[in-house]
Amino acid sequence: MSPSPQPGGSRSPGVSAPGARSAPSPSGTGQRLSVVSTAYSYGCGGGWITASGAPVAVGVIAMNTLDIGTTVRILSGSFAGAVETVLDHYGSGTQLDFWVSSCWEARQYGRQWIEIEVG
């Protein structure tokens, strides 16, 4: 049985995804990066289960260059102020991918350069 998505979920500043496992980042606490970001959702490029084994949810991000469990603070862009947790590695490349609850929302997000703080 597949877990159900969290429809209409929202990102709250300073709040990680429910069930997200936080761990110190080996990349260095407080490291600031400028990255390209996109959004993904079930049915338009994403599945229900992350690489960590946790279900997808608002507050979950995929980023291949960071370890699973790394906490990331979003400093700019549509989700500025949110604290997200890397629970997935997605495709290839170095971009950050936000999980969102619908394909429409993913398409609306598009592709944005954002600032993040790792750790």
C-alpha atoms as a PDB file:
ATOM      1  CA  MET A   1       0.000   0.000   0.000  1.00  0.00           C
ATOM      2  CA  SER A   2       1.443   3.348  -1.017  1.00  0.00           C
ATOM      3  CA  PRO A   3       1.453   6.203   1.458  1.00  0.00           C
ATOM      4  CA  SER A   4      -0.849   9.039   0.533  1.00  0.00           C
ATOM      5  CA  PRO A   5       0.625  12.430  -0.281  1.00  0.00           C
ATOM      6  CA  GLN A   6      -0.001  15.390   1.968  1.00  0.00           C
ATOM      7  CA  PRO A   7      -2.321  17.508  -0.172  1.00  0.00           C
ATOM      8  CA  GLY A   8      -2.043  21.218   0.267  1.00  0.00           C
ATOM      9  CA  GLY A   9       0.886  20.899   2.646  1.00  0.00           C
ATOM     10  CA  SER A  10       2.873  24.012   3.319  1.00  0.00           C
ATOM     11  CA  ARG A  11       6.399  24.778   4.372  1.00  0.00           C
ATOM     12  CA  SER A  12       6.742  26.597   7.657  1.00  0.00           C
ATOM     13  CA  PRO A  13       9.859  28.568   8.481  1.00  0.00           C
ATOM     14  CA  GLY A  14      12.066  26.644  10.889  1.00  0.00           C
ATOM     15  CA  VAL A  15      10.074  23.396  10.683  1.00  0.00           C
ATOM     16  CA  SER A  16      11.415  20.155   9.180  1.00  0.00           C
ATOM     17  CA  ALA A  17       9.299  17.489   7.509  1.00  0.00           C
ATOM     18  CA  PRO A  18       7.429  15.141   9.849  1.00  0.00           C
ATOM     19  CA  GLY A  19       9.565  12.059  10.320  1.00  0.00           C
ATOM     20  CA  ALA A  20      12.557  13.712   8.688  1.00  0.00           C
ATOM     21  CA  ARG A  21      15.788  12.537  10.189  1.00  0.00           C
ATOM     22  CA  SER A  22      18.175  15.368  10.922  1.00  0.00           C
ATOM     23  CA  ALA A  23      21.901  14.770  11.129  1.00  0.00           C
ATOM     24  CA  PRO A  24      24.910  17.032  11.122  1.00  0.00           C
ATOM     25  CA  SER A  25      26.200  17.714   7.642  1.00  0.00           C
ATOM     26  CA  PRO A  26      29.684  16.479   6.792  1.00  0.00           C
ATOM     27  CA  SER A  27      29.782  19.299   4.255  1.00  0.00           C
ATOM     28  CA  GLY A  28      30.287  21.838   7.031  1.00  0.00           C
ATOM     29  CA  THR A  29      27.861  23.636   9.309  1.00  0.00           C
ATOM     30  CA  GLY A  30      26.685  26.992   8.071  1.00  0.00           C
ATOM     31  CA  GLN A  31      28.058  26.634   4.539  1.00  0.00           C
ATOM     32  CA  ARG A  32      26.178  28.966   2.176  1.00  0.00           C
ATOM     33  CA  LEU A  33      25.621  27.924  -1.431  1.00  0.00           C
ATOM     34  CA  SER A  34      23.912  29.323  -4.504  1.00  0.00           C
ATOM     35  CA  VAL A  35      22.124  26.463  -6.302  1.00  0.00           C
ATOM     36  CA  VAL A  36      19.635  25.844  -9.091  1.00  0.00           C
ATOM     37  CA  SER A  37      16.375  24.476  -7.725  1.00  0.00           C
ATOM     38  CA  THR A  38      13.357  22.771  -9.251  1.00  0.00           C
ATOM     39  CA  ALA A  39      10.348  20.946  -7.818  1.00  0.00           C
ATOM     40  CA  TYR A  40       9.118  17.396  -8.293  1.00  0.00           C
ATOM     41  CA  SER A  41       5.997  15.473  -7.396  1.00  0.00           C
ATOM     42  CA  TYR A  42       4.545  11.998  -7.735  1.00  0.00           C
ATOM     43  CA  GLY A  43       3.426  11.423 -11.306  1.00  0.00           C
ATOM     44  CA  CYS A  44       5.646  14.060 -12.899  1.00  0.00           C
ATOM     45  CA  GLY A  45       9.124  12.880 -12.167  1.00  0.00           C
ATOM     46  CA  GLY A  46       8.928  11.616  -8.600  1.00  0.00           C
ATOM     47  CA  GLY A  47       7.804   8.587  -6.657  1.00  0.00           C
ATOM     48  CA  TRP A  48       6.292   7.951  -3.213  1.00  0.00           C
ATOM     49  CA  ILE A  49       9.401   6.721  -1.407  1.00  0.00           C
ATOM     50  CA  THR A  50      12.688   8.612  -1.021  1.00  0.00           C
ATOM     51  CA  ALA A  51      16.185   7.150  -1.257  1.00  0.00           C
ATOM     52  CA  SER A  52      16.237   7.162   2.563  1.00  0.00           C
ATOM     53  CA  GLY A  53      13.188   4.865   2.643  1.00  0.00           C
ATOM     54  CA  ALA A  54      10.935   7.591   4.076  1.00  0.00           C
ATOM     55  CA  PRO A  55       7.747   8.617   2.256  1.00  0.00           C
ATOM     56  CA  VAL A  56       7.776  11.864   0.284  1.00  0.00           C
ATOM     57  CA  ALA A  57       6.355  14.852   2.141  1.00  0.00           C
ATOM     58  CA  VAL A  58       6.453  18.610   2.234  1.00  0.00           C
ATOM     59  CA  GLY A  59       9.804  19.528   3.759  1.00  0.00           C
ATOM     60  CA  VAL A  60      11.694  16.809   1.867  1.00  0.00           C
ATOM     61  CA  ILE A  61      14.321  17.775  -0.675  1.00  0.00           C
ATOM     62  CA  ALA A  62      16.576  15.850  -3.025  1.00  0.00           C
ATOM     63  CA  MET A  63      20.151  16.946  -3.593  1.00  0.00           C
ATOM     64  CA  ASN A  64      22.785  14.559  -4.886  1.00  0.00           C
ATOM     65  CA  THR A  65      25.762  16.473  -3.510  1.00  0.00           C
ATOM     66  CA  LEU A  66      24.577  16.346   0.128  1.00  0.00           C
ATOM     67  CA  ASP A  67      24.243  13.332   2.383  1.00  0.00           C
ATOM     68  CA  ILE A  68      20.831  11.946   3.297  1.00  0.00           C
ATOM     69  CA  GLY A  69      19.758  13.533   6.591  1.00  0.00           C
ATOM     70  CA  THR A  70      21.482  16.865   5.950  1.00  0.00           C
ATOM     71  CA  THR A  71      19.452  19.868   7.086  1.00  0.00           C
ATOM     72  CA  VAL A  72      19.230  22.830   4.702  1.00  0.00           C
ATOM     73  CA  ARG A  73      17.856  26.300   5.490  1.00  0.00           C
ATOM     74  CA  ILE A  74      16.361  28.019   2.448  1.00  0.00           C
ATOM     75  CA  LEU A  75      17.537  31.650   2.398  1.00  0.00           C
ATOM     76  CA  SER A  76      15.852  32.950  -0.785  1.00  0.00           C
ATOM     77  CA  GLY A  77      13.230  32.060  -3.387  1.00  0.00           C
ATOM     78  CA  SER A  78       9.676  30.770  -3.009  1.00  0.00           C
ATOM     79  CA  PHE A  79      10.436  28.688   0.109  1.00  0.00           C
ATOM     80  CA  ALA A  80      12.695  31.211   1.903  1.00  0.00           C
ATOM     81  CA  GLY A  81      12.737  30.650   5.651  1.00  0.00           C
ATOM     82  CA  ALA A  82      11.922  26.949   5.459  1.00  0.00           C
ATOM     83  CA  VAL A  83      14.182  24.285   6.933  1.00  0.00           C
ATOM     84  CA  GLU A  84      14.253  21.218   4.682  1.00  0.00           C
ATOM     85  CA  THR A  85      15.873  17.800   5.088  1.00  0.00           C
ATOM     86  CA  VAL A  86      17.677  15.893   2.339  1.00  0.00           C
ATOM     87  CA  LEU A  87      15.929  12.512   2.203  1.00  0.00           C
ATOM     88  CA  ASP A  88      16.360  11.777  -1.484  1.00  0.00           C
ATOM     89  CA  HIS A  89      18.876  11.744  -4.290  1.00  0.00           C
ATOM     90  CA  TYR A  90      17.179  12.450  -7.601  1.00  0.00           C
ATOM     91  CA  GLY A  91      18.416  11.881 -11.128  1.00  0.00           C
ATOM     92  CA  SER A  92      21.815  13.375 -11.729  1.00  0.00           C
ATOM     93  CA  GLY A  93      23.422  16.741 -11.328  1.00  0.00           C
ATOM     94  CA  THR A  94      23.882  19.193  -8.511  1.00  0.00           C
ATOM     95  CA  GLN A  95      20.524  20.937  -8.316  1.00  0.00           C
ATOM     96  CA  LEU A  96      18.219  20.955  -5.332  1.00  0.00           C
ATOM     97  CA  ASP A  97      14.733  19.516  -5.860  1.00  0.00           C
ATOM     98  CA  PHE A  98      11.788  20.346  -3.578  1.00  0.00           C
ATOM     99  CA  TRP A  99       9.031  17.770  -3.200  1.00  0.00           C
ATOM    100  CA  VAL A 100       5.624  19.420  -3.705  1.00  0.00           C
ATOM    101  CA  SER A 101       2.143  17.929  -3.572  1.00  0.00           C
ATOM    102  CA  SER A 102       1.146  18.313  -7.247  1.00  0.00           C
ATOM    103  CA  CYS A 103       2.534  18.385 -10.775  1.00  0.00           C
ATOM    104  CA  TRP A 104       0.870  21.763 -11.253  1.00  0.00           C
ATOM    105  CA  GLU A 105       2.774  23.198  -8.287  1.00  0.00           C
ATOM    106  CA  ALA A 106       6.022  21.679  -9.577  1.00  0.00           C
ATOM    107  CA  ARG A 107       5.519  23.280 -12.999  1.00  0.00           C
ATOM    108  CA  GLN A 108       4.613  26.628 -11.439  1.00  0.00           C
ATOM    109  CA  TYR A 109       7.807  26.572  -9.384  1.00  0.00           C
ATOM    110  CA  GLY A 110       9.886  26.157 -12.525  1.00  0.00           C
ATOM    111  CA  ARG A 111      13.637  26.612 -12.172  1.00  0.00           C
ATOM    112  CA  GLN A 112      15.020  29.106  -9.656  1.00  0.00           C
ATOM    113  CA  TRP A 113      18.470  30.094  -8.435  1.00  0.00           C
ATOM    114  CA  ILE A 114      18.308  30.163  -4.631  1.00  0.00           C
ATOM    115  CA  GLU A 115      20.625  30.649  -1.679  1.00  0.00           C
ATOM    116  CA  ILE A 116      20.819  27.906   0.943  1.00  0.00           C
ATOM    117  CA  GLU A 117      22.681  27.280   4.183  1.00  0.00           C
ATOM    118  CA  VAL A 118      23.827  23.709   4.805  1.00  0.00           C
ATOM    119  CA  GLY A 119      23.875  22.289   8.328  1.00  0.00           C
END
